[in-house]
Amino acid sequence: TYRTDVPQEGRLHGTLNESPDEIRISTFPTLFGEKAVVRLFAG
């Protein structure tokens, strides 16, 4: 969370992803802060 100056990628963990479907998160630094893209794979 403290690195806002570099891109990061990861899988979703925790109770929000109760289904076995894959969820990936990618962050990227931009002019006005970090952009985040969440990829929701097909069931």
PDB file of all heavy atoms in Angstrom:
ATOM      1  N   THR A   1       0.816  -1.213   0.000  1.00  0.00           N
ATOM      2  CA  THR A   1       0.000   0.000   0.000  1.00  0.00           C
ATOM      3  C   THR A   1       0.850   1.263   0.000  1.00  0.00           C
ATOM      4  O   THR A   1       0.400   2.313  -0.466  1.00  0.00           O
ATOM      5  CB  THR A   1      -0.934   0.014   1.216  1.00  0.00           C
ATOM      6  OG1 THR A   1      -0.151  -0.105   2.407  1.00  0.00           O
ATOM      7  CG2 THR A   1      -1.925  -1.143   1.153  1.00  0.00           C
ATOM      8  N   TYR A   2       2.081   1.178   0.521  1.00  0.00           N
ATOM      9  CA  TYR A   2       2.912   2.376   0.614  1.00  0.00           C
ATOM     10  C   TYR A   2       3.667   2.685  -0.673  1.00  0.00           C
ATOM     11  O   TYR A   2       4.248   3.750  -0.810  1.00  0.00           O
ATOM     12  CB  TYR A   2       3.906   2.244   1.777  1.00  0.00           C
ATOM     13  CG  TYR A   2       4.872   1.095   1.647  1.00  0.00           C
ATOM     14  CD1 TYR A   2       6.080   1.250   0.960  1.00  0.00           C
ATOM     15  CD2 TYR A   2       4.579  -0.143   2.205  1.00  0.00           C
ATOM     16  CE1 TYR A   2       6.957   0.192   0.838  1.00  0.00           C
ATOM     17  CE2 TYR A   2       5.454  -1.197   2.087  1.00  0.00           C
ATOM     18  CZ  TYR A   2       6.651  -1.034   1.396  1.00  0.00           C
ATOM     19  OH  TYR A   2       7.522  -2.088   1.267  1.00  0.00           O
ATOM     20  N   ARG A   3       3.639   1.740  -1.643  1.00  0.00           N
ATOM     21  CA  ARG A   3       4.297   2.001  -2.925  1.00  0.00           C
ATOM     22  C   ARG A   3       3.239   2.485  -3.922  1.00  0.00           C
ATOM     23  O   ARG A   3       2.442   1.711  -4.434  1.00  0.00           O
ATOM     24  CB  ARG A   3       4.988   0.748  -3.458  1.00  0.00           C
ATOM     25  CG  ARG A   3       6.182   0.282  -2.662  1.00  0.00           C
ATOM     26  CD  ARG A   3       7.254   1.352  -2.535  1.00  0.00           C
ATOM     27  NE  ARG A   3       7.738   1.874  -3.791  1.00  0.00           N
ATOM     28  CZ  ARG A   3       8.794   1.383  -4.457  1.00  0.00           C
ATOM     29  NH1 ARG A   3       9.454   0.344  -3.962  1.00  0.00           N
ATOM     30  NH2 ARG A   3       9.184   1.942  -5.575  1.00  0.00           N
ATOM     31  N   THR A   4       3.235   3.784  -4.142  1.00  0.00           N
ATOM     32  CA  THR A   4       2.281   4.372  -5.100  1.00  0.00           C
ATOM     33  C   THR A   4       2.980   4.855  -6.359  1.00  0.00           C
ATOM     34  O   THR A   4       2.335   5.435  -7.234  1.00  0.00           O
ATOM     35  CB  THR A   4       1.548   5.558  -4.452  1.00  0.00           C
ATOM     36  OG1 THR A   4       2.512   6.561  -4.085  1.00  0.00           O
ATOM     37  CG2 THR A   4       0.785   5.117  -3.219  1.00  0.00           C
ATOM     38  N   ASP A   5       4.294   4.609  -6.451  1.00  0.00           N
ATOM     39  CA  ASP A   5       5.079   5.140  -7.568  1.00  0.00           C
ATOM     40  C   ASP A   5       5.457   4.074  -8.590  1.00  0.00           C
ATOM     41  O   ASP A   5       6.128   4.363  -9.574  1.00  0.00           O
ATOM     42  CB  ASP A   5       6.359   5.800  -7.036  1.00  0.00           C
ATOM     43  CG  ASP A   5       7.185   4.848  -6.174  1.00  0.00           C
ATOM     44  OD1 ASP A   5       6.622   3.842  -5.699  1.00  0.00           O
ATOM     45  OD2 ASP A   5       8.387   5.107  -5.990  1.00  0.00           O
ATOM     46  N   VAL A   6       5.033   2.814  -8.374  1.00  0.00           N
ATOM     47  CA  VAL A   6       5.371   1.735  -9.304  1.00  0.00           C
ATOM     48  C   VAL A   6       4.117   0.911  -9.594  1.00  0.00           C
ATOM     49  O   VAL A   6       3.219   0.814  -8.751  1.00  0.00           O
ATOM     50  CB  VAL A   6       6.480   0.819  -8.728  1.00  0.00           C
ATOM     51  CG1 VAL A   6       7.790   1.571  -8.591  1.00  0.00           C
ATOM     52  CG2 VAL A   6       6.043   0.217  -7.388  1.00  0.00           C
ATOM     53  N   PRO A   7       4.037   0.285 -10.774  1.00  0.00           N
ATOM     54  CA  PRO A   7       2.904  -0.601 -11.071  1.00  0.00           C
ATOM     55  C   PRO A   7       2.966  -1.841 -10.189  1.00  0.00           C
ATOM     56  O   PRO A   7       4.047  -2.324  -9.834  1.00  0.00           O
ATOM     57  CB  PRO A   7       3.114  -0.967 -12.552  1.00  0.00           C
ATOM     58  CG  PRO A   7       4.070   0.048 -13.083  1.00  0.00           C
ATOM     59  CD  PRO A   7       4.935   0.449 -11.936  1.00  0.00           C
ATOM     60  N   GLN A   8       1.801  -2.365  -9.825  1.00  0.00           N
ATOM     61  CA  GLN A   8       1.719  -3.604  -9.060  1.00  0.00           C
ATOM     62  C   GLN A   8       0.567  -4.457  -9.595  1.00  0.00           C
ATOM     63  O   GLN A   8      -0.408  -3.940 -10.127  1.00  0.00           O
ATOM     64  CB  GLN A   8       1.492  -3.320  -7.570  1.00  0.00           C
ATOM     65  CG  GLN A   8       2.624  -2.573  -6.880  1.00  0.00           C
ATOM     66  CD  GLN A   8       2.408  -2.504  -5.379  1.00  0.00           C
ATOM     67  OE1 GLN A   8       2.390  -3.519  -4.680  1.00  0.00           O
ATOM     68  NE2 GLN A   8       2.221  -1.283  -4.877  1.00  0.00           N
ATOM     69  N   GLU A   9       0.708  -5.771  -9.445  1.00  0.00           N
ATOM     70  CA  GLU A   9      -0.331  -6.707  -9.881  1.00  0.00           C
ATOM     71  C   GLU A   9      -0.529  -7.771  -8.810  1.00  0.00           C
ATOM     72  O   GLU A   9       0.422  -8.145  -8.122  1.00  0.00           O
ATOM     73  CB  GLU A   9       0.061  -7.390 -11.197  1.00  0.00           C
ATOM     74  CG  GLU A   9       0.194  -6.458 -12.377  1.00  0.00           C
ATOM     75  CD  GLU A   9       0.609  -7.195 -13.625  1.00  0.00           C
ATOM     76  OE1 GLU A   9       0.565  -8.443 -13.622  1.00  0.00           O
ATOM     77  OE2 GLU A   9       0.976  -6.535 -14.614  1.00  0.00           O
ATOM     78  N   GLY A  10      -1.749  -8.247  -8.682  1.00  0.00           N
ATOM     79  CA  GLY A  10      -2.006  -9.311  -7.719  1.00  0.00           C
ATOM     80  C   GLY A  10      -3.387  -9.913  -7.888  1.00  0.00           C
ATOM     81  O   GLY A  10      -4.207  -9.423  -8.669  1.00  0.00           O
ATOM     82  N   ARG A  11      -3.611 -10.999  -7.151  1.00  0.00           N
ATOM     83  CA  ARG A  11      -4.917 -11.662  -7.117  1.00  0.00           C
ATOM     84  C   ARG A  11      -5.699 -11.180  -5.906  1.00  0.00           C
ATOM     85  O   ARG A  11      -5.121 -10.813  -4.897  1.00  0.00           O
ATOM     86  CB  ARG A  11      -4.741 -13.176  -6.996  1.00  0.00           C
ATOM     87  CG  ARG A  11      -4.345 -13.902  -8.259  1.00  0.00           C
ATOM     88  CD  ARG A  11      -4.432 -15.411  -7.984  1.00  0.00           C
ATOM     89  NE  ARG A  11      -4.180 -16.194  -9.177  1.00  0.00           N
ATOM     90  CZ  ARG A  11      -3.003 -16.685  -9.508  1.00  0.00           C
ATOM     91  NH1 ARG A  11      -1.959 -16.450  -8.720  1.00  0.00           N
ATOM     92  NH2 ARG A  11      -2.843 -17.395 -10.590  1.00  0.00           N
ATOM     93  N   LEU A  12      -7.008 -11.225  -6.037  1.00  0.00           N
ATOM     94  CA  LEU A  12      -7.852 -10.845  -4.909  1.00  0.00           C
ATOM     95  C   LEU A  12      -7.874 -11.956  -3.873  1.00  0.00           C
ATOM     96  O   LEU A  12      -8.040 -13.127  -4.203  1.00  0.00           O
ATOM     97  CB  LEU A  12      -9.279 -10.570  -5.374  1.00  0.00           C
ATOM     98  CG  LEU A  12     -10.199 -10.011  -4.298  1.00  0.00           C
ATOM     99  CD1 LEU A  12      -9.865  -8.564  -4.026  1.00  0.00           C
ATOM    100  CD2 LEU A  12     -11.642 -10.122  -4.713  1.00  0.00           C
ATOM    101  N   HIS A  13      -7.686 -11.590  -2.624  1.00  0.00           N
ATOM    102  CA  HIS A  13      -7.754 -12.531  -1.516  1.00  0.00           C
ATOM    103  C   HIS A  13      -8.817 -12.040  -0.537  1.00  0.00           C
ATOM    104  O   HIS A  13      -9.184 -10.876  -0.534  1.00  0.00           O
ATOM    105  CB  HIS A  13      -6.417 -12.628  -0.784  1.00  0.00           C
ATOM    106  CG  HIS A  13      -5.305 -13.124  -1.640  1.00  0.00           C
ATOM    107  ND1 HIS A  13      -4.988 -14.456  -1.764  1.00  0.00           N
ATOM    108  CD2 HIS A  13      -4.434 -12.453  -2.443  1.00  0.00           C
ATOM    109  CE1 HIS A  13      -3.959 -14.592  -2.581  1.00  0.00           C
ATOM    110  NE2 HIS A  13      -3.609 -13.397  -3.009  1.00  0.00           N
ATOM    111  N   GLY A  14      -9.289 -12.934   0.301  1.00  0.00           N
ATOM    112  CA  GLY A  14     -10.220 -12.510   1.336  1.00  0.00           C
ATOM    113  C   GLY A  14     -11.651 -12.877   1.027  1.00  0.00           C
ATOM    114  O   GLY A  14     -11.968 -13.552   0.055  1.00  0.00           O
ATOM    115  N   THR A  15     -12.562 -12.381   1.869  1.00  0.00           N
ATOM    116  CA  THR A  15     -13.964 -12.808   1.798  1.00  0.00           C
ATOM    117  C   THR A  15     -14.735 -12.186   0.655  1.00  0.00           C
ATOM    118  O   THR A  15     -15.819 -12.645   0.324  1.00  0.00           O
ATOM    119  CB  THR A  15     -14.682 -12.438   3.108  1.00  0.00           C
ATOM    120  OG1 THR A  15     -14.568 -11.024   3.308  1.00  0.00           O
ATOM    121  CG2 THR A  15     -14.054 -13.152   4.285  1.00  0.00           C
ATOM    122  N   LEU A  16     -14.192 -11.130   0.020  1.00  0.00           N
ATOM    123  CA  LEU A  16     -14.949 -10.503  -1.067  1.00  0.00           C
ATOM    124  C   LEU A  16     -15.021 -11.409  -2.283  1.00  0.00           C
ATOM    125  O   LEU A  16     -15.900 -11.263  -3.115  1.00  0.00           O
ATOM    126  CB  LEU A  16     -14.303  -9.172  -1.470  1.00  0.00           C
ATOM    127  CG  LEU A  16     -14.570  -7.997  -0.538  1.00  0.00           C
ATOM    128  CD1 LEU A  16     -14.043  -6.722  -1.141  1.00  0.00           C
ATOM    129  CD2 LEU A  16     -16.045  -7.857  -0.239  1.00  0.00           C
ATOM    130  N   ASN A  17     -14.062 -12.324  -2.414  1.00  0.00           N
ATOM    131  CA  ASN A  17     -14.095 -13.239  -3.550  1.00  0.00           C
ATOM    132  C   ASN A  17     -14.530 -14.617  -3.075  1.00  0.00           C
ATOM    133  O   ASN A  17     -13.754 -15.562  -3.046  1.00  0.00           O
ATOM    134  CB  ASN A  17     -12.713 -13.322  -4.212  1.00  0.00           C
ATOM    135  CG  ASN A  17     -12.784 -14.024  -5.558  1.00  0.00           C
ATOM    136  OD1 ASN A  17     -13.847 -14.110  -6.157  1.00  0.00           O
ATOM    137  ND2 ASN A  17     -11.657 -14.521  -6.021  1.00  0.00           N
ATOM    138  N   GLU A  18     -15.805 -14.727  -2.682  1.00  0.00           N
ATOM    139  CA  GLU A  18     -16.306 -15.978  -2.142  1.00  0.00           C
ATOM    140  C   GLU A  18     -16.468 -17.033  -3.225  1.00  0.00           C
ATOM    141  O   GLU A  18     -16.418 -18.220  -2.946  1.00  0.00           O
ATOM    142  CB  GLU A  18     -17.648 -15.729  -1.456  1.00  0.00           C
ATOM    143  CG  GLU A  18     -17.519 -14.838  -0.219  1.00  0.00           C
ATOM    144  CD  GLU A  18     -18.873 -14.496   0.379  1.00  0.00           C
ATOM    145  OE1 GLU A  18     -19.881 -14.852  -0.261  1.00  0.00           O
ATOM    146  OE2 GLU A  18     -18.917 -13.893   1.450  1.00  0.00           O
ATOM    147  N   SER A  19     -16.660 -16.625  -4.488  1.00  0.00           N
ATOM    148  CA  SER A  19     -16.756 -17.591  -5.571  1.00  0.00           C
ATOM    149  C   SER A  19     -15.353 -18.005  -5.986  1.00  0.00           C
ATOM    150  O   SER A  19     -14.380 -17.318  -5.709  1.00  0.00           O
ATOM    151  CB  SER A  19     -17.491 -16.965  -6.768  1.00  0.00           C
ATOM    152  OG  SER A  19     -16.635 -16.089  -7.462  1.00  0.00           O
ATOM    153  N   PRO A  20     -15.230 -19.151  -6.691  1.00  0.00           N
ATOM    154  CA  PRO A  20     -13.908 -19.579  -7.142  1.00  0.00           C
ATOM    155  C   PRO A  20     -13.432 -18.840  -8.389  1.00  0.00           C
ATOM    156  O   PRO A  20     -12.365 -19.136  -8.905  1.00  0.00           O
ATOM    157  CB  PRO A  20     -14.131 -21.074  -7.432  1.00  0.00           C
ATOM    158  CG  PRO A  20     -15.573 -21.177  -7.808  1.00  0.00           C
ATOM    159  CD  PRO A  20     -16.286 -20.141  -6.972  1.00  0.00           C
ATOM    160  N   ASP A  21     -14.197 -17.889  -8.879  1.00  0.00           N
ATOM    161  CA  ASP A  21     -13.813 -17.154 -10.076  1.00  0.00           C
ATOM    162  C   ASP A  21     -12.584 -16.289  -9.801  1.00  0.00           C
ATOM    163  O   ASP A  21     -12.420 -15.732  -8.716  1.00  0.00           O
ATOM    164  CB  ASP A  21     -14.966 -16.258 -10.552  1.00  0.00           C
ATOM    165  CG  ASP A  21     -16.224 -17.057 -10.857  1.00  0.00           C
ATOM    166  OD1 ASP A  21     -16.094 -18.279 -11.032  1.00  0.00           O
ATOM    167  OD2 ASP A  21     -17.302 -16.460 -10.909  1.00  0.00           O
ATOM    168  N   GLU A  22     -11.745 -16.167 -10.815  1.00  0.00           N
ATOM    169  CA  GLU A  22     -10.501 -15.420 -10.677  1.00  0.00           C
ATOM    170  C   GLU A  22     -10.748 -13.916 -10.764  1.00  0.00           C
ATOM    171  O   GLU A  22     -11.500 -13.442 -11.624  1.00  0.00           O
ATOM    172  CB  GLU A  22      -9.542 -15.847 -11.797  1.00  0.00           C
ATOM    173  CG  GLU A  22      -8.209 -15.162 -11.786  1.00  0.00           C
ATOM    174  CD  GLU A  22      -7.275 -15.707 -10.715  1.00  0.00           C
ATOM    175  OE1 GLU A  22      -7.637 -16.677 -10.034  1.00  0.00           O
ATOM    176  OE2 GLU A  22      -6.180 -15.153 -10.566  1.00  0.00           O
ATOM    177  N   ILE A  23     -10.134 -13.148  -9.868  1.00  0.00           N
ATOM    178  CA  ILE A  23     -10.185 -11.692  -9.902  1.00  0.00           C
ATOM    179  C   ILE A  23      -8.753 -11.180  -9.771  1.00  0.00           C
ATOM    180  O   ILE A  23      -8.054 -11.527  -8.824  1.00  0.00           O
ATOM    181  CB  ILE A  23     -11.049 -11.099  -8.764  1.00  0.00           C
ATOM    182  CG1 ILE A  23     -12.501 -11.573  -8.898  1.00  0.00           C
ATOM    183  CG2 ILE A  23     -10.997  -9.577  -8.780  1.00  0.00           C
ATOM    184  CD1 ILE A  23     -13.418 -11.051  -7.799  1.00  0.00           C
ATOM    185  N   ARG A  24      -8.320 -10.367 -10.716  1.00  0.00           N
ATOM    186  CA  ARG A  24      -6.967  -9.816 -10.678  1.00  0.00           C
ATOM    187  C   ARG A  24      -7.039  -8.297 -10.563  1.00  0.00           C
ATOM    188  O   ARG A  24      -7.961  -7.667 -11.089  1.00  0.00           O
ATOM    189  CB  ARG A  24      -6.176 -10.200 -11.934  1.00  0.00           C
ATOM    190  CG  ARG A  24      -5.852 -11.675 -11.990  1.00  0.00           C
ATOM    191  CD  ARG A  24      -4.890 -11.988 -13.128  1.00  0.00           C
ATOM    192  NE  ARG A  24      -4.581 -13.399 -13.133  1.00  0.00           N
ATOM    193  CZ  ARG A  24      -3.644 -13.966 -12.394  1.00  0.00           C
ATOM    194  NH1 ARG A  24      -2.921 -13.213 -11.584  1.00  0.00           N
ATOM    195  NH2 ARG A  24      -3.418 -15.259 -12.452  1.00  0.00           N
ATOM    196  N   ILE A  25      -6.039  -7.734  -9.895  1.00  0.00           N
ATOM    197  CA  ILE A  25      -5.989  -6.287  -9.687  1.00  0.00           C
ATOM    198  C   ILE A  25      -4.646  -5.764 -10.168  1.00  0.00           C
ATOM    199  O   ILE A  25      -3.594  -6.334  -9.859  1.00  0.00           O
ATOM    200  CB  ILE A  25      -6.203  -5.954  -8.198  1.00  0.00           C
ATOM    201  CG1 ILE A  25      -7.633  -6.328  -7.775  1.00  0.00           C
ATOM    202  CG2 ILE A  25      -5.960  -4.475  -7.929  1.00  0.00           C
ATOM    203  CD1 ILE A  25      -7.885  -6.225  -6.291  1.00  0.00           C
ATOM    204  N   SER A  26      -4.685  -4.684 -10.927  1.00  0.00           N
ATOM    205  CA  SER A  26      -3.476  -4.046 -11.436  1.00  0.00           C
ATOM    206  C   SER A  26      -3.543  -2.558 -11.110  1.00  0.00           C
ATOM    207  O   SER A  26      -4.569  -1.916 -11.340  1.00  0.00           O
ATOM    208  CB  SER A  26      -3.365  -4.246 -12.959  1.00  0.00           C
ATOM    209  OG  SER A  26      -2.353  -3.438 -13.499  1.00  0.00           O
ATOM    210  N   THR A  27      -2.452  -2.014 -10.552  1.00  0.00           N
ATOM    211  CA  THR A  27      -2.399  -0.575 -10.274  1.00  0.00           C
ATOM    212  C   THR A  27      -1.274   0.052 -11.080  1.00  0.00           C
ATOM    213  O   THR A  27      -0.275  -0.604 -11.420  1.00  0.00           O
ATOM    214  CB  THR A  27      -2.157  -0.310  -8.774  1.00  0.00           C
ATOM    215  OG1 THR A  27      -0.875  -0.829  -8.386  1.00  0.00           O
ATOM    216  CG2 THR A  27      -3.244  -0.950  -7.929  1.00  0.00           C
ATOM    217  N   PHE A  28      -1.440   1.347 -11.386  1.00  0.00           N
ATOM    218  CA  PHE A  28      -0.459   2.036 -12.231  1.00  0.00           C
ATOM    219  C   PHE A  28      -0.455   3.516 -11.861  1.00  0.00           C
ATOM    220  O   PHE A  28      -1.521   4.139 -11.786  1.00  0.00           O
ATOM    221  CB  PHE A  28      -0.828   1.880 -13.714  1.00  0.00           C
ATOM    222  CG  PHE A  28       0.319   2.109 -14.655  1.00  0.00           C
ATOM    223  CD1 PHE A  28       1.133   1.062 -15.045  1.00  0.00           C
ATOM    224  CD2 PHE A  28       0.600   3.380 -15.131  1.00  0.00           C
ATOM    225  CE1 PHE A  28       2.205   1.268 -15.908  1.00  0.00           C
ATOM    226  CE2 PHE A  28       1.655   3.605 -15.987  1.00  0.00           C
ATOM    227  CZ  PHE A  28       2.469   2.541 -16.379  1.00  0.00           C
ATOM    228  N   PRO A  29       0.734   4.103 -11.637  1.00  0.00           N
ATOM    229  CA  PRO A  29       0.781   5.523 -11.263  1.00  0.00           C
ATOM    230  C   PRO A  29       0.437   6.431 -12.442  1.00  0.00           C
ATOM    231  O   PRO A  29       0.900   6.209 -13.561  1.00  0.00           O
ATOM    232  CB  PRO A  29       2.238   5.720 -10.808  1.00  0.00           C
ATOM    233  CG  PRO A  29       3.006   4.632 -11.486  1.00  0.00           C
ATOM    234  CD  PRO A  29       2.064   3.476 -11.612  1.00  0.00           C
ATOM    235  N   THR A  30      -0.393   7.450 -12.206  1.00  0.00           N
ATOM    236  CA  THR A  30      -0.741   8.425 -13.238  1.00  0.00           C
ATOM    237  C   THR A  30      -0.561   9.834 -12.671  1.00  0.00           C
ATOM    238  O   THR A  30      -0.197  10.012 -11.511  1.00  0.00           O
ATOM    239  CB  THR A  30      -2.202   8.259 -13.707  1.00  0.00           C
ATOM    240  OG1 THR A  30      -3.090   8.692 -12.654  1.00  0.00           O
ATOM    241  CG2 THR A  30      -2.514   6.816 -14.057  1.00  0.00           C
ATOM    242  N   LEU A  31      -0.857  10.839 -13.473  1.00  0.00           N
ATOM    243  CA  LEU A  31      -0.666  12.226 -13.086  1.00  0.00           C
ATOM    244  C   LEU A  31      -1.423  12.587 -11.812  1.00  0.00           C
ATOM    245  O   LEU A  31      -0.922  13.309 -10.948  1.00  0.00           O
ATOM    246  CB  LEU A  31      -1.097  13.152 -14.234  1.00  0.00           C
ATOM    247  CG  LEU A  31      -1.028  14.653 -13.975  1.00  0.00           C
ATOM    248  CD1 LEU A  31       0.415  15.076 -13.687  1.00  0.00           C
ATOM    249  CD2 LEU A  31      -1.596  15.427 -15.166  1.00  0.00           C
ATOM    250  N   PHE A  32      -2.657  12.077 -11.684  1.00  0.00           N
ATOM    251  CA  PHE A  32      -3.505  12.457 -10.548  1.00  0.00           C
ATOM    252  C   PHE A  32      -3.620  11.357  -9.496  1.00  0.00           C
ATOM    253  O   PHE A  32      -4.514  11.398  -8.655  1.00  0.00           O
ATOM    254  CB  PHE A  32      -4.897  12.851 -11.056  1.00  0.00           C
ATOM    255  CG  PHE A  32      -4.884  14.047 -11.960  1.00  0.00           C
ATOM    256  CD1 PHE A  32      -5.135  13.912 -13.323  1.00  0.00           C
ATOM    257  CD2 PHE A  32      -4.582  15.313 -11.467  1.00  0.00           C
ATOM    258  CE1 PHE A  32      -5.117  15.010 -14.167  1.00  0.00           C
ATOM    259  CE2 PHE A  32      -4.553  16.409 -12.302  1.00  0.00           C
ATOM    260  CZ  PHE A  32      -4.820  16.266 -13.660  1.00  0.00           C
ATOM    261  N   GLY A  33      -2.734  10.394  -9.535  1.00  0.00           N
ATOM    262  CA  GLY A  33      -2.777   9.313  -8.548  1.00  0.00           C
ATOM    263  C   GLY A  33      -2.774   7.958  -9.217  1.00  0.00           C
ATOM    264  O   GLY A  33      -2.599   7.844 -10.436  1.00  0.00           O
ATOM    265  N   GLU A  34      -2.982   6.929  -8.442  1.00  0.00           N
ATOM    266  CA  GLU A  34      -2.928   5.572  -8.980  1.00  0.00           C
ATOM    267  C   GLU A  34      -4.239   5.169  -9.659  1.00  0.00           C
ATOM    268  O   GLU A  34      -5.323   5.324  -9.101  1.00  0.00           O
ATOM    269  CB  GLU A  34      -2.634   4.578  -7.862  1.00  0.00           C
ATOM    270  CG  GLU A  34      -1.203   4.581  -7.385  1.00  0.00           C
ATOM    271  CD  GLU A  34      -0.970   3.494  -6.362  1.00  0.00           C
ATOM    272  OE1 GLU A  34      -1.434   3.654  -5.226  1.00  0.00           O
ATOM    273  OE2 GLU A  34      -0.327   2.491  -6.697  1.00  0.00           O
ATOM    274  N   LYS A  35      -4.083   4.639 -10.853  1.00  0.00           N
ATOM    275  CA  LYS A  35      -5.211   4.036 -11.567  1.00  0.00           C
ATOM    276  C   LYS A  35      -5.254   2.550 -11.204  1.00  0.00           C
ATOM    277  O   LYS A  35      -4.215   1.895 -11.101  1.00  0.00           O
ATOM    278  CB  LYS A  35      -5.033   4.188 -13.070  1.00  0.00           C
ATOM    279  CG  LYS A  35      -6.065   3.437 -13.905  1.00  0.00           C
ATOM    280  CD  LYS A  35      -5.725   3.514 -15.386  1.00  0.00           C
ATOM    281  CE  LYS A  35      -6.700   2.673 -16.215  1.00  0.00           C
ATOM    282  NZ  LYS A  35      -6.350   2.664 -17.650  1.00  0.00           N
ATOM    283  N   ALA A  36      -6.447   2.021 -11.030  1.00  0.00           N
ATOM    284  CA  ALA A  36      -6.605   0.593 -10.739  1.00  0.00           C
ATOM    285  C   ALA A  36      -7.535  -0.035 -11.763  1.00  0.00           C
ATOM    286  O   ALA A  36      -8.553   0.565 -12.139  1.00  0.00           O
ATOM    287  CB  ALA A  36      -7.163   0.387  -9.328  1.00  0.00           C
ATOM    288  N   VAL A  37      -7.167  -1.213 -12.229  1.00  0.00           N
ATOM    289  CA  VAL A  37      -8.026  -1.986 -13.125  1.00  0.00           C
ATOM    290  C   VAL A  37      -8.238  -3.358 -12.512  1.00  0.00           C
ATOM    291  O   VAL A  37      -7.278  -4.042 -12.151  1.00  0.00           O
ATOM    292  CB  VAL A  37      -7.415  -2.119 -14.535  1.00  0.00           C
ATOM    293  CG1 VAL A  37      -8.280  -3.038 -15.400  1.00  0.00           C
ATOM    294  CG2 VAL A  37      -7.276  -0.756 -15.194  1.00  0.00           C
ATOM    295  N   VAL A  38      -9.487  -3.735 -12.356  1.00  0.00           N
ATOM    296  CA  VAL A  38      -9.853  -5.033 -11.809  1.00  0.00           C
ATOM    297  C   VAL A  38     -10.350  -5.901 -12.947  1.00  0.00           C
ATOM    298  O   VAL A  38     -11.290  -5.527 -13.659  1.00  0.00           O
ATOM    299  CB  VAL A  38     -10.953  -4.892 -10.736  1.00  0.00           C
ATOM    300  CG1 VAL A  38     -11.302  -6.260 -10.144  1.00  0.00           C
ATOM    301  CG2 VAL A  38     -10.518  -3.927  -9.632  1.00  0.00           C
ATOM    302  N   ARG A  39      -9.701  -7.049 -13.150  1.00  0.00           N
ATOM    303  CA  ARG A  39     -10.117  -7.985 -14.201  1.00  0.00           C
ATOM    304  C   ARG A  39     -10.951  -9.096 -13.577  1.00  0.00           C
ATOM    305  O   ARG A  39     -10.511  -9.775 -12.654  1.00  0.00           O
ATOM    306  CB  ARG A  39      -8.871  -8.564 -14.888  1.00  0.00           C
ATOM    307  CG  ARG A  39      -9.121  -9.763 -15.797  1.00  0.00           C
ATOM    308  CD  ARG A  39     -10.020  -9.469 -16.969  1.00  0.00           C
ATOM    309  NE  ARG A  39      -9.507  -8.454 -17.857  1.00  0.00           N
ATOM    310  CZ  ARG A  39      -8.721  -8.701 -18.909  1.00  0.00           C
ATOM    311  NH1 ARG A  39      -8.317  -9.933 -19.149  1.00  0.00           N
ATOM    312  NH2 ARG A  39      -8.346  -7.725 -19.694  1.00  0.00           N
ATOM    313  N   LEU A  40     -12.174  -9.251 -14.083  1.00  0.00           N
ATOM    314  CA  LEU A  40     -13.097 -10.271 -13.593  1.00  0.00           C
ATOM    315  C   LEU A  40     -13.193 -11.363 -14.648  1.00  0.00           C
ATOM    316  O   LEU A  40     -13.780 -11.148 -15.717  1.00  0.00           O
ATOM    317  CB  LEU A  40     -14.482  -9.662 -13.336  1.00  0.00           C
ATOM    318  CG  LEU A  40     -14.515  -8.454 -12.386  1.00  0.00           C
ATOM    319  CD1 LEU A  40     -15.854  -7.739 -12.479  1.00  0.00           C
ATOM    320  CD2 LEU A  40     -14.251  -8.888 -10.959  1.00  0.00           C
ATOM    321  N   PHE A  41     -12.611 -12.494 -14.371  1.00  0.00           N
ATOM    322  CA  PHE A  41     -12.622 -13.577 -15.352  1.00  0.00           C
ATOM    323  C   PHE A  41     -13.967 -14.278 -15.359  1.00  0.00           C
ATOM    324  O   PHE A  41     -14.712 -14.259 -14.372  1.00  0.00           O
ATOM    325  CB  PHE A  41     -11.500 -14.574 -15.052  1.00  0.00           C
ATOM    326  CG  PHE A  41     -10.133 -14.025 -15.335  1.00  0.00           C
ATOM    327  CD1 PHE A  41      -9.388 -13.431 -14.330  1.00  0.00           C
ATOM    328  CD2 PHE A  41      -9.599 -14.073 -16.615  1.00  0.00           C
ATOM    329  CE1 PHE A  41      -8.131 -12.917 -14.583  1.00  0.00           C
ATOM    330  CE2 PHE A  41      -8.347 -13.555 -16.872  1.00  0.00           C
ATOM    331  CZ  PHE A  41      -7.603 -12.972 -15.864  1.00  0.00           C
ATOM    332  N   ALA A  42     -14.257 -14.923 -16.491  1.00  0.00           N
ATOM    333  CA  ALA A  42     -15.532 -15.631 -16.645  1.00  0.00           C
ATOM    334  C   ALA A  42     -15.660 -16.710 -15.589  1.00  0.00           C
ATOM    335  O   ALA A  42     -14.674 -17.276 -15.124  1.00  0.00           O
ATOM    336  CB  ALA A  42     -15.625 -16.257 -18.040  1.00  0.00           C
ATOM    337  N   GLY A  43     -16.891 -16.987 -15.198  1.00  0.00           N
ATOM    338  CA  GLY A  43     -17.147 -17.992 -14.169  1.00  0.00           C
ATOM    339  C   GLY A  43     -16.569 -19.346 -14.536  1.00  0.00           C
ATOM    340  O   GLY A  43     -16.438 -19.691 -15.712  1.00  0.00           O
TER     341      GLY A  43
END
